[in-house]
Amino acid sequence: MSQVNQLLFFTSQDFSMREYTLSYLFNDESRTHVFELEQSRLSIHEAALHLLQLHFGDAENGLILPPADASPEEILEQAQVLGITQIAIV
């Protein structure tokens, strides 16, 4: 069977969603948000990127979000500049 045909036989168990609850401050206001993601682990900088997309993803100025090649430190710095701090995965 070719590799392409094998892809058709994946089940929902192969791509299970996992819930991640994030606790954070947004402009010094305590918030929580639950994300359902298809990843088995979530780092703090990945959480920060999801929060940036949540709060600023619809902004007209796409320059608010960090570039695709941003380092984890750059992502966390951008989040802090935009008021997203004290991110914790609970």
C-alpha atoms as a PDB file:
ATOM      1  CA  MET A   1       0.000   0.000   0.000  1.00  0.00           C
ATOM      2  CA  SER A   2       1.421   3.411  -0.864  1.00  0.00           C
ATOM      3  CA  GLN A   3       2.203   6.012   1.755  1.00  0.00           C
ATOM      4  CA  VAL A   4      -0.615   8.242   0.486  1.00  0.00           C
ATOM      5  CA  ASN A   5      -3.178   5.449   0.866  1.00  0.00           C
ATOM      6  CA  GLN A   6      -1.964   4.722   4.394  1.00  0.00           C
ATOM      7  CA  LEU A   7      -2.776   8.282   5.418  1.00  0.00           C
ATOM      8  CA  LEU A   8      -6.430   7.635   4.672  1.00  0.00           C
ATOM      9  CA  PHE A   9      -6.605   4.963   7.363  1.00  0.00           C
ATOM     10  CA  PHE A  10      -5.705   7.149  10.352  1.00  0.00           C
ATOM     11  CA  THR A  11      -8.366   7.202  13.031  1.00  0.00           C
ATOM     12  CA  SER A  12      -9.387   9.986  15.354  1.00  0.00           C
ATOM     13  CA  GLN A  13      -7.197   8.349  18.004  1.00  0.00           C
ATOM     14  CA  ASP A  14      -4.140   9.202  15.904  1.00  0.00           C
ATOM     15  CA  PHE A  15      -4.923  12.918  16.193  1.00  0.00           C
ATOM     16  CA  SER A  16      -6.444  13.228  19.644  1.00  0.00           C
ATOM     17  CA  MET A  17      -7.154  16.694  20.967  1.00  0.00           C
ATOM     18  CA  ARG A  18      -5.841  17.711  24.335  1.00  0.00           C
ATOM     19  CA  GLU A  19      -7.112  20.529  26.522  1.00  0.00           C
ATOM     20  CA  TYR A  20      -4.669  23.021  27.977  1.00  0.00           C
ATOM     21  CA  THR A  21      -5.832  25.533  30.563  1.00  0.00           C
ATOM     22  CA  LEU A  22      -3.718  28.678  30.639  1.00  0.00           C
ATOM     23  CA  SER A  23      -3.642  31.131  33.497  1.00  0.00           C
ATOM     24  CA  TYR A  24      -2.124  34.525  32.712  1.00  0.00           C
ATOM     25  CA  LEU A  25      -2.347  38.266  33.159  1.00  0.00           C
ATOM     26  CA  PHE A  26      -3.635  40.414  30.307  1.00  0.00           C
ATOM     27  CA  ASN A  27      -2.951  44.078  30.988  1.00  0.00           C
ATOM     28  CA  ASP A  28      -2.575  43.172  34.686  1.00  0.00           C
ATOM     29  CA  GLU A  29      -6.012  41.472  34.756  1.00  0.00           C
ATOM     30  CA  SER A  30      -6.087  37.795  35.737  1.00  0.00           C
ATOM     31  CA  ARG A  31      -7.509  35.533  33.029  1.00  0.00           C
ATOM     32  CA  THR A  32      -7.780  31.885  32.080  1.00  0.00           C
ATOM     33  CA  HIS A  33      -8.402  30.289  28.711  1.00  0.00           C
ATOM     34  CA  VAL A  34      -8.745  26.683  27.561  1.00  0.00           C
ATOM     35  CA  PHE A  35      -7.251  25.652  24.229  1.00  0.00           C
ATOM     36  CA  GLU A  36      -7.920  22.327  22.499  1.00  0.00           C
ATOM     37  CA  LEU A  37      -4.776  21.429  20.582  1.00  0.00           C
ATOM     38  CA  GLU A  38      -3.462  18.444  18.634  1.00  0.00           C
ATOM     39  CA  GLN A  39      -0.151  18.381  20.468  1.00  0.00           C
ATOM     40  CA  SER A  40       1.025  16.224  23.335  1.00  0.00           C
ATOM     41  CA  ARG A  41       3.092  18.980  25.008  1.00  0.00           C
ATOM     42  CA  LEU A  42       2.783  22.744  25.251  1.00  0.00           C
ATOM     43  CA  SER A  43       5.698  24.980  26.174  1.00  0.00           C
ATOM     44  CA  ILE A  44       5.283  28.437  27.693  1.00  0.00           C
ATOM     45  CA  HIS A  45       6.378  30.222  24.516  1.00  0.00           C
ATOM     46  CA  GLU A  46       3.886  28.162  22.464  1.00  0.00           C
ATOM     47  CA  ALA A  47       1.200  29.086  24.987  1.00  0.00           C
ATOM     48  CA  ALA A  48       2.215  32.739  24.613  1.00  0.00           C
ATOM     49  CA  LEU A  49       1.875  32.481  20.844  1.00  0.00           C
ATOM     50  CA  HIS A  50      -1.639  31.017  21.175  1.00  0.00           C
ATOM     51  CA  LEU A  51      -2.574  33.841  23.547  1.00  0.00           C
ATOM     52  CA  LEU A  52      -1.176  36.453  21.148  1.00  0.00           C
ATOM     53  CA  GLN A  53      -3.282  34.948  18.370  1.00  0.00           C
ATOM     54  CA  LEU A  54      -6.320  34.878  20.659  1.00  0.00           C
ATOM     55  CA  HIS A  55      -6.034  38.547  21.639  1.00  0.00           C
ATOM     56  CA  PHE A  56      -4.455  40.075  18.536  1.00  0.00           C
ATOM     57  CA  GLY A  57      -4.979  37.595  15.686  1.00  0.00           C
ATOM     58  CA  ASP A  58      -7.706  39.718  14.093  1.00  0.00           C
ATOM     59  CA  ALA A  59      -5.733  42.944  14.337  1.00  0.00           C
ATOM     60  CA  GLU A  60      -5.463  44.818  11.052  1.00  0.00           C
ATOM     61  CA  ASN A  61      -1.747  45.236  11.602  1.00  0.00           C
ATOM     62  CA  GLY A  62      -0.210  41.783  11.170  1.00  0.00           C
ATOM     63  CA  LEU A  63       3.065  43.128  12.526  1.00  0.00           C
ATOM     64  CA  ILE A  64       1.756  42.699  16.077  1.00  0.00           C
ATOM     65  CA  LEU A  65       2.383  38.941  15.964  1.00  0.00           C
ATOM     66  CA  PRO A  66       5.980  37.723  16.083  1.00  0.00           C
ATOM     67  CA  PRO A  67       7.499  36.453  12.819  1.00  0.00           C
ATOM     68  CA  ALA A  68       7.327  32.726  12.069  1.00  0.00           C
ATOM     69  CA  ASP A  69      11.045  32.327  12.774  1.00  0.00           C
ATOM     70  CA  ALA A  70      10.936  34.123  16.151  1.00  0.00           C
ATOM     71  CA  SER A  71      12.826  32.467  18.995  1.00  0.00           C
ATOM     72  CA  PRO A  72      10.991  31.399  22.165  1.00  0.00           C
ATOM     73  CA  GLU A  73      12.514  34.409  23.949  1.00  0.00           C
ATOM     74  CA  GLU A  74      11.290  36.797  21.243  1.00  0.00           C
ATOM     75  CA  ILE A  75       7.766  35.381  21.453  1.00  0.00           C
ATOM     76  CA  LEU A  76       7.675  35.818  25.241  1.00  0.00           C
ATOM     77  CA  GLU A  77       9.089  39.338  24.915  1.00  0.00           C
ATOM     78  CA  GLN A  78       6.423  40.293  22.348  1.00  0.00           C
ATOM     79  CA  ALA A  79       3.707  38.879  24.598  1.00  0.00           C
ATOM     80  CA  GLN A  80       5.015  40.929  27.517  1.00  0.00           C
ATOM     81  CA  VAL A  81       5.151  44.117  25.436  1.00  0.00           C
ATOM     82  CA  LEU A  82       1.507  43.549  24.491  1.00  0.00           C
ATOM     83  CA  GLY A  83       0.417  42.959  28.093  1.00  0.00           C
ATOM     84  CA  ILE A  84       0.422  39.153  28.308  1.00  0.00           C
ATOM     85  CA  THR A  85       2.464  38.080  31.331  1.00  0.00           C
ATOM     86  CA  GLN A  86       2.756  35.416  34.043  1.00  0.00           C
ATOM     87  CA  ILE A  87       1.657  32.599  31.728  1.00  0.00           C
ATOM     88  CA  ALA A  88       1.152  29.266  33.454  1.00  0.00           C
ATOM     89  CA  ILE A  89      -0.172  25.965  32.149  1.00  0.00           C
ATOM     90  CA  VAL A  90      -2.456  24.594  34.857  1.00  0.00           C
END
